[in-house]
Protein backbone atom coordinates (compact mmCIF):
# COMPACT_ATOMS: atom_id res chain seq x y z
CA MET A 1 229.27 -41.14 187.24
CA GLU A 2 229.51 -42.83 183.84
CA GLN A 3 228.76 -46.17 185.52
CA GLU A 4 225.64 -44.71 187.12
CA THR A 5 224.25 -43.59 183.75
CA ALA A 6 225.37 -46.61 181.70
CA LEU A 7 222.58 -48.92 182.85
CA PHE A 8 219.84 -46.62 181.59
CA SER A 9 221.80 -45.57 178.49
CA ASN A 10 222.14 -49.19 177.41
CA TYR A 11 218.45 -49.80 178.09
CA LEU A 12 217.52 -46.74 176.03
CA ASN A 13 219.57 -47.90 173.05
CA LYS A 14 217.88 -51.30 173.09
CA LYS A 15 214.39 -49.80 173.33
CA LYS A 16 215.20 -47.29 170.62
CA GLN A 17 215.82 -50.12 168.17
CA GLN A 18 212.55 -51.83 169.11
CA THR A 19 210.52 -48.62 168.88
CA TRP A 20 212.08 -47.53 165.59
CA SER A 21 211.26 -50.90 164.07
CA VAL A 22 207.57 -50.29 164.87
CA ILE A 23 207.62 -46.71 163.57
CA ASP A 24 209.41 -47.70 160.39
CA GLY A 25 206.92 -50.47 159.75
CA CYS A 26 203.94 -48.21 160.41
CA LEU A 27 205.20 -45.48 158.07
CA ASP A 28 205.73 -48.09 155.34
CA GLU A 29 202.19 -49.35 155.92
CA PHE A 30 200.68 -45.86 155.77
CA LYS A 31 202.56 -45.03 152.57
CA GLN A 32 201.35 -48.30 151.01
CA THR A 33 197.77 -47.45 152.01
CA ASP A 34 198.09 -44.05 150.32
CA THR A 35 199.48 -45.75 147.21
CA GLU A 36 196.53 -48.15 147.12
CA VAL A 37 194.10 -45.24 147.43
CA LEU A 38 195.69 -43.59 144.38
CA PHE A 39 195.32 -46.87 142.47
CA GLN A 40 191.67 -47.27 143.51
CA MET A 41 190.95 -43.73 142.29
CA GLY A 42 192.76 -44.30 139.02
CA GLN A 43 195.40 -41.73 139.92
CA GLN A 44 198.51 -43.94 139.96
CA GLY A 45 200.19 -41.47 137.63
CA TYR A 46 200.86 -39.39 140.77
CA ASN A 47 202.84 -42.14 142.51
CA THR A 48 206.12 -40.27 142.04
CA LEU A 49 204.65 -37.17 143.71
CA LEU A 50 203.37 -39.33 146.57
CA ALA A 51 206.81 -40.89 147.01
CA GLN A 52 208.39 -37.43 147.22
CA HIS A 53 205.85 -36.45 149.88
CA TRP A 54 206.61 -39.52 151.99
CA ASP A 55 210.38 -39.01 151.68
CA ILE A 56 209.92 -35.60 153.31
CA VAL A 57 207.49 -36.94 155.93
CA ARG A 58 210.02 -39.60 156.92
CA ASP A 59 212.96 -37.16 157.16
CA TYR A 60 212.81 -36.32 160.89
CA PRO A 61 211.82 -39.85 161.97
CA HIS A 62 214.81 -41.21 160.04
CA ARG A 63 217.19 -38.81 161.79
CA GLN A 64 216.17 -40.29 165.16
CA GLY A 65 216.91 -38.80 168.56
CA LYS A 66 217.72 -40.41 171.87
CA TYR A 67 214.18 -41.86 172.16
CA LEU A 68 213.99 -40.85 175.83
CA ARG A 69 210.21 -40.41 175.86
CA PRO A 70 209.29 -43.78 174.31
CA GLY A 71 212.01 -45.33 176.47
CA LEU A 72 210.24 -44.05 179.58
CA VAL A 73 206.89 -45.44 178.40
CA LEU A 74 208.48 -48.87 178.05
CA LEU A 75 210.51 -48.63 181.27
CA MET A 76 207.48 -47.95 183.43
CA ALA A 77 205.28 -50.47 181.63
CA GLU A 78 207.86 -53.24 181.82
CA SER A 79 208.71 -52.47 185.46
CA LEU A 80 205.04 -53.11 186.30
CA GLY A 81 204.85 -56.38 184.42
CA VAL A 82 203.50 -55.33 181.01
CA GLU A 83 204.82 -57.29 178.04
CA THR A 84 206.94 -55.05 175.81
CA GLU A 85 204.84 -55.81 172.74
CA LYS A 86 201.73 -54.39 174.41
CA ALA A 87 203.46 -51.06 175.05
CA LEU A 88 205.28 -50.56 171.74
CA TYR A 89 202.46 -48.80 169.86
CA THR A 90 202.13 -46.24 172.67
CA ALA A 91 205.91 -45.77 172.67
CA ALA A 92 205.96 -45.40 168.87
CA ALA A 93 203.15 -42.83 168.97
CA MET A 94 205.09 -40.97 171.67
CA GLN A 95 208.18 -40.70 169.47
CA THR A 96 206.14 -39.76 166.40
CA SER A 97 204.55 -36.93 168.37
CA GLU A 98 208.02 -35.59 169.10
CA ASP A 99 208.94 -35.55 165.42
CA TRP A 100 205.92 -33.55 164.26
CA ILE A 101 206.23 -31.16 167.20
CA LEU A 102 209.91 -30.58 166.40
CA ILE A 103 209.15 -29.76 162.76
CA HIS A 104 206.69 -27.07 163.87
CA ASP A 105 208.90 -25.84 166.73
CA ASP A 106 211.91 -25.49 164.44
CA LEU A 107 209.89 -23.31 162.10
CA VAL A 108 208.47 -21.15 164.91
CA ASP A 109 211.89 -20.76 166.55
CA GLY A 110 213.73 -20.14 163.28
CA SER A 111 216.07 -23.01 164.14
CA LEU A 112 218.90 -23.67 161.72
CA GLU A 113 219.29 -27.40 162.28
CA ARG A 114 217.96 -30.52 163.90
CA ARG A 115 219.95 -33.64 164.81
CA GLY A 116 223.01 -32.58 162.85
CA LYS A 117 221.23 -31.59 159.63
CA ALA A 118 219.42 -28.51 158.36
CA ALA A 119 215.97 -27.97 159.85
CA LEU A 120 213.22 -29.21 157.55
CA HIS A 121 211.86 -25.74 156.75
CA ARG A 122 215.34 -24.67 155.62
CA ILE A 123 215.49 -27.55 153.14
CA TYR A 124 211.96 -27.51 151.71
CA GLY A 125 210.47 -24.20 152.85
CA PRO A 126 207.95 -23.51 155.62
CA GLU A 127 204.84 -24.59 153.74
CA ILE A 128 206.08 -28.10 152.92
CA ALA A 129 207.65 -28.49 156.38
CA VAL A 130 204.33 -27.69 158.06
CA ASN A 131 202.59 -30.17 155.76
CA ALA A 132 205.10 -32.88 156.72
CA GLY A 133 204.48 -32.11 160.39
CA ASP A 134 200.73 -32.32 159.83
CA THR A 135 201.14 -35.69 158.13
CA LEU A 136 203.24 -37.04 161.01
CA HIS A 137 200.58 -35.72 163.40
CA GLU A 138 198.05 -37.85 161.54
CA CYS A 139 200.46 -40.82 161.61
CA MET A 140 200.74 -40.44 165.39
CA HIS A 141 196.97 -40.88 165.68
CA ARG A 142 197.01 -43.93 163.41
CA ILE A 143 199.79 -45.56 165.44
CA LEU A 144 198.02 -44.80 168.73
CA ASN A 145 194.81 -46.32 167.34
CA LYS A 146 196.67 -49.61 166.83
CA ASN A 147 196.37 -50.05 170.61
CA TYR A 148 192.83 -51.22 169.92
CA GLN A 149 194.36 -54.27 168.21
CA THR A 150 196.41 -55.32 171.26
CA LEU A 151 194.61 -53.87 174.30
CA ASP A 152 191.03 -54.15 175.50
CA THR A 153 188.92 -51.14 174.55
CA PRO A 154 188.61 -49.51 178.02
CA LEU A 155 192.40 -49.63 178.48
CA ALA A 156 193.08 -48.29 174.97
CA ASN A 157 190.61 -45.46 175.70
CA ARG A 158 192.39 -44.66 178.95
CA VAL A 159 195.78 -44.55 177.21
CA SER A 160 194.41 -42.21 174.53
CA ALA A 161 192.85 -39.89 177.13
CA GLU A 162 196.19 -39.55 178.95
CA PHE A 163 198.05 -39.11 175.66
CA PHE A 164 195.87 -36.19 174.59
CA ARG A 165 195.90 -34.68 178.08
CA MET A 166 199.70 -34.69 177.81
CA LEU A 167 199.68 -33.03 174.38
CA SER A 168 197.17 -30.40 175.50
CA ARG A 169 199.33 -29.47 178.48
CA THR A 170 202.36 -29.32 176.18
CA THR A 171 200.85 -26.99 173.60
CA PHE A 172 199.52 -24.71 176.36
CA GLY A 173 203.00 -24.49 177.86
CA GLN A 174 204.38 -23.70 174.41
CA TYR A 175 201.76 -20.99 173.97
CA ALA A 176 202.81 -19.31 177.22
CA GLU A 177 206.49 -19.39 176.25
CA ILE A 178 205.88 -18.11 172.71
CA LYS A 179 203.50 -15.38 173.87
CA TRP A 180 205.83 -14.04 176.54
CA THR A 181 208.81 -14.18 174.18
CA LEU A 182 206.97 -12.31 171.41
CA GLU A 183 205.83 -9.72 173.93
CA ASP A 184 209.45 -9.33 175.06
CA ARG A 185 208.18 -9.68 178.59
CA GLN A 186 210.73 -8.35 181.07
CA ASP A 187 208.92 -8.90 184.38
CA MET A 188 208.80 -12.70 184.42
CA SER A 189 209.24 -14.33 187.81
CA GLN A 190 210.86 -17.67 188.55
CA GLU A 191 207.35 -19.01 189.06
CA ASP A 192 206.48 -17.96 185.49
CA VAL A 193 209.55 -19.70 184.08
CA LEU A 194 208.85 -22.89 186.04
CA PHE A 195 205.23 -22.75 184.83
CA THR A 196 206.32 -22.86 181.18
CA ILE A 197 208.73 -25.70 181.94
CA GLY A 198 205.96 -27.54 183.76
CA GLY A 199 203.81 -27.37 180.65
CA LYS A 200 206.16 -27.93 177.77
CA THR A 201 208.68 -30.26 179.43
CA VAL A 202 207.63 -31.84 182.72
CA TYR A 203 204.46 -33.46 181.40
CA TYR A 204 205.59 -34.13 177.85
CA THR A 205 209.10 -35.40 178.52
CA ILE A 206 208.81 -37.17 181.87
CA ALA A 207 205.37 -37.37 183.52
CA GLY A 208 203.30 -38.19 180.44
CA PRO A 209 205.47 -41.05 179.18
CA LEU A 210 205.82 -42.58 182.66
CA ARG A 211 202.10 -42.24 183.38
CA LEU A 212 201.26 -43.83 180.02
CA GLY A 213 203.45 -46.80 180.89
CA ALA A 214 201.77 -47.09 184.28
CA ILE A 215 198.28 -46.85 182.76
CA LEU A 216 199.15 -49.75 180.48
CA ALA A 217 199.76 -51.72 183.69
CA GLY A 218 196.42 -50.62 185.19
CA ALA A 219 197.79 -48.07 187.66
CA ASN A 220 195.24 -46.21 189.78
CA ASP A 221 194.92 -42.44 190.20
CA GLU A 222 196.88 -42.36 193.44
CA GLN A 223 199.81 -44.17 191.83
CA LEU A 224 199.67 -41.83 188.82
CA GLN A 225 199.86 -38.85 191.17
CA ARG A 226 202.98 -40.27 192.81
CA ILE A 227 204.52 -40.65 189.38
CA TYR A 228 203.76 -37.00 188.64
CA ASP A 229 205.24 -35.89 191.97
CA PHE A 230 208.46 -37.71 191.04
CA SER A 231 208.37 -36.41 187.47
CA TYR A 232 207.95 -32.73 188.33
CA PRO A 233 211.44 -32.06 189.77
CA LEU A 234 212.99 -34.44 187.24
CA GLY A 235 211.35 -32.54 184.38
CA LEU A 236 212.66 -29.26 185.77
CA CYS A 237 216.13 -30.81 185.93
CA PHE A 238 215.81 -31.98 182.31
CA GLN A 239 214.83 -28.56 180.95
CA ILE A 240 217.39 -26.61 182.98
CA ARG A 241 220.10 -29.02 181.86
CA ASP A 242 218.84 -28.58 178.28
CA ASP A 243 219.13 -24.79 178.64
CA VAL A 244 222.70 -25.14 179.92
CA LEU A 245 223.64 -27.41 177.02
CA ASP A 246 222.22 -24.89 174.54
CA LEU A 247 224.82 -22.43 175.79
CA THR A 248 227.75 -24.76 176.34
CA SER A 249 227.67 -27.72 173.95
CA ASP A 250 227.76 -28.37 170.22
CA PHE A 251 226.68 -31.98 170.90
CA GLU A 252 229.91 -33.43 169.50
CA GLY A 253 229.71 -31.38 166.32
CA MET A 254 226.03 -32.17 165.70
CA LYS A 255 225.00 -28.57 166.37
CA LYS A 256 226.52 -25.77 164.31
CA GLN A 257 225.13 -22.87 166.35
CA VAL A 258 225.09 -22.61 170.12
CA CYS A 259 223.13 -20.06 172.17
CA ASN A 260 219.93 -20.61 170.20
CA ASP A 261 217.87 -19.62 173.25
CA ILE A 262 219.51 -16.18 173.25
CA TYR A 263 218.90 -15.78 169.52
CA GLU A 264 215.26 -16.76 170.08
CA GLY A 265 214.91 -14.56 173.17
CA LYS A 266 213.61 -17.44 175.30
CA ARG A 267 212.99 -16.67 178.96
CA THR A 268 215.03 -19.35 180.69
CA LEU A 269 216.01 -19.67 184.33
CA ILE A 270 219.55 -18.71 183.27
CA LEU A 271 218.37 -15.48 181.65
CA LEU A 272 216.17 -14.67 184.63
CA HIS A 273 219.14 -15.06 186.99
CA LEU A 274 221.24 -12.80 184.76
CA MET A 275 218.58 -10.08 184.68
CA HIS A 276 218.50 -10.10 188.49
CA HIS A 277 222.28 -9.80 188.86
CA ALA A 278 223.41 -7.63 185.93
CA THR A 279 224.21 -3.95 186.38
CA ILE A 280 221.75 -1.30 185.24
CA ASP A 281 223.81 -0.62 182.11
CA GLU A 282 224.16 -4.31 181.34
CA THR A 283 220.44 -4.87 181.83
CA GLY A 284 219.69 -2.08 179.37
CA GLN A 285 221.93 -3.69 176.78
CA ILE A 286 220.43 -7.12 177.37
CA LYS A 287 216.89 -5.79 176.92
CA ARG A 288 217.86 -3.98 173.73
CA ILE A 289 219.37 -7.13 172.24
CA LEU A 290 216.53 -9.42 173.30
CA ALA A 291 213.98 -7.07 171.75
CA LYS A 292 215.46 -7.72 168.28
CA PRO A 293 214.12 -10.49 166.04
CA ARG A 294 216.38 -13.52 165.79
CA GLU A 295 217.69 -12.61 162.34
CA GLU A 296 218.71 -9.14 163.48
CA LYS A 297 220.76 -10.25 166.49
CA THR A 298 224.48 -10.28 165.69
CA ALA A 299 226.93 -12.94 166.84
CA ASP A 300 228.72 -10.29 168.91
CA GLU A 301 225.50 -9.30 170.68
CA VAL A 302 224.70 -12.91 171.52
CA ALA A 303 228.28 -13.46 172.70
CA TYR A 304 227.95 -10.40 174.96
CA ILE A 305 224.94 -11.88 176.77
CA ARG A 306 226.63 -15.26 176.92
CA GLN A 307 229.73 -13.72 178.54
CA LEU A 308 227.59 -11.92 181.09
CA MET A 309 226.03 -15.26 182.03
CA ASP A 310 229.50 -16.51 182.94
CA LEU A 311 230.45 -13.26 184.66
CA HIS A 312 227.41 -13.25 186.94
CA GLY A 313 227.39 -17.00 187.58
CA SER A 314 224.07 -17.61 185.84
CA ILE A 315 225.10 -20.87 184.19
CA ALA A 316 226.66 -22.15 187.40
CA TYR A 317 223.43 -21.25 189.21
CA ALA A 318 221.40 -23.22 186.67
CA GLU A 319 223.66 -26.25 187.07
CA GLN A 320 223.18 -26.08 190.84
CA GLN A 321 219.40 -25.88 190.36
CA ALA A 322 219.44 -28.88 188.02
CA LYS A 323 221.34 -30.88 190.63
CA HIS A 324 218.92 -29.72 193.34
CA TYR A 325 215.90 -30.90 191.35
CA ALA A 326 217.59 -34.21 190.51
CA GLU A 327 218.12 -34.80 194.22
CA GLN A 328 214.45 -33.99 194.85
CA ALA A 329 213.44 -36.48 192.18
CA MET A 330 215.69 -39.15 193.66
CA SER A 331 214.06 -38.67 197.06
CA LYS A 332 210.58 -38.91 195.48
CA LEU A 333 211.54 -42.11 193.70
CA SER A 334 211.14 -44.01 196.96
CA THR A 335 207.42 -43.14 196.96
CA ILE A 336 206.91 -45.16 193.77
CA ASP A 337 207.09 -48.28 195.90
CA PHE A 338 204.94 -50.30 193.51
CA ILE A 339 208.10 -50.89 191.43
CA ALA A 340 209.19 -53.96 193.37
CA ASN A 341 211.76 -55.41 190.96
CA GLU A 342 215.26 -54.24 191.98
CA HIS A 343 216.54 -54.40 188.40
CA TYR A 344 213.97 -51.82 187.32
CA ALA A 345 214.44 -49.76 190.48
CA ALA A 346 218.13 -49.52 189.56
CA LEU A 347 217.17 -48.49 186.02
CA PHE A 348 215.06 -45.64 187.42
CA ARG A 349 217.95 -44.43 189.59
CA SER A 350 220.26 -44.62 186.58
CA MET A 351 217.69 -42.66 184.55
CA VAL A 352 217.81 -39.76 187.04
CA HIS A 353 221.62 -39.65 186.76
CA PHE A 354 221.38 -39.90 182.96
CA ILE A 355 219.12 -36.84 182.76
CA LEU A 356 221.32 -34.78 185.11
CA GLU A 357 224.62 -35.77 183.52
CA ARG A 358 223.72 -35.85 179.82
CA GLY A 359 226.10 -33.90 177.65
CA LYS A 360 228.93 -33.91 180.20
């Protein structure tokens, strides 16, 4: 299985370096622009304050993740004949969007850490963390606007329209998840859970990046729909696998606290399965624990729910579902027959295995 994932993993590492180089350069440029504005206004005495601000803004980008989303933008674009340089600003904007979203998500979720270090709001406080996220949000727009330097205007407009469609779908999916968690909703169906995944993960993590890459190559609406049809089961696989990893992995010591989804009370497919298979007494205990705010849940209470997930086969069920959706995605991959190059077709197959097997 390692061989099947290696092709895409190696590709991702290469594209990560290229994308980070663009992001790093853009952030340097934006900081320099801000410095020049201070000078023009005769306020250069505040340069030290500005430097502190930019150090915080750059914190999450510097930590770097796997760069899956920008990697998918580049994979699809390159597979359809687009020169890498013409897709890099879109890929860089994609990654920058992830960094500002994560800053805000970590605050909302009360997360303790991100990529092996303390979450930004735990270092600087919520107000400064939100401000850093807002600044990165603005940087994302500035990077995306650089497409007008390398693409013709109609194509740059089309990329921007898809980009903001993706973000709108993402924030709506987040709203649904946050609302139902805060309401401690107990009657969620599998359809409800898949709806939230479809919003916050399918489009943002898989469909959006792939569609952006295809749009850069001039793909038509029918081709974009085929990409979405492939992305939907793959996005479900990604999120379900992510939920399993939250319960089972410390990411090689990078994560100090597992079971964050239980602490946060998130309605995952795993939790839904447990609620349908637990005894009446167990269900009562689960509901009582989930109703507590994160900070009031004890480690023993979280461990109790985690043990029940093993007892009732909820994690095993989720792993089976992830595999099922990966198989669906693999079967849909054949419908994206406009990827004619066998090298890139092999990369797409490797990408499906990479998403299913990550963390194992």
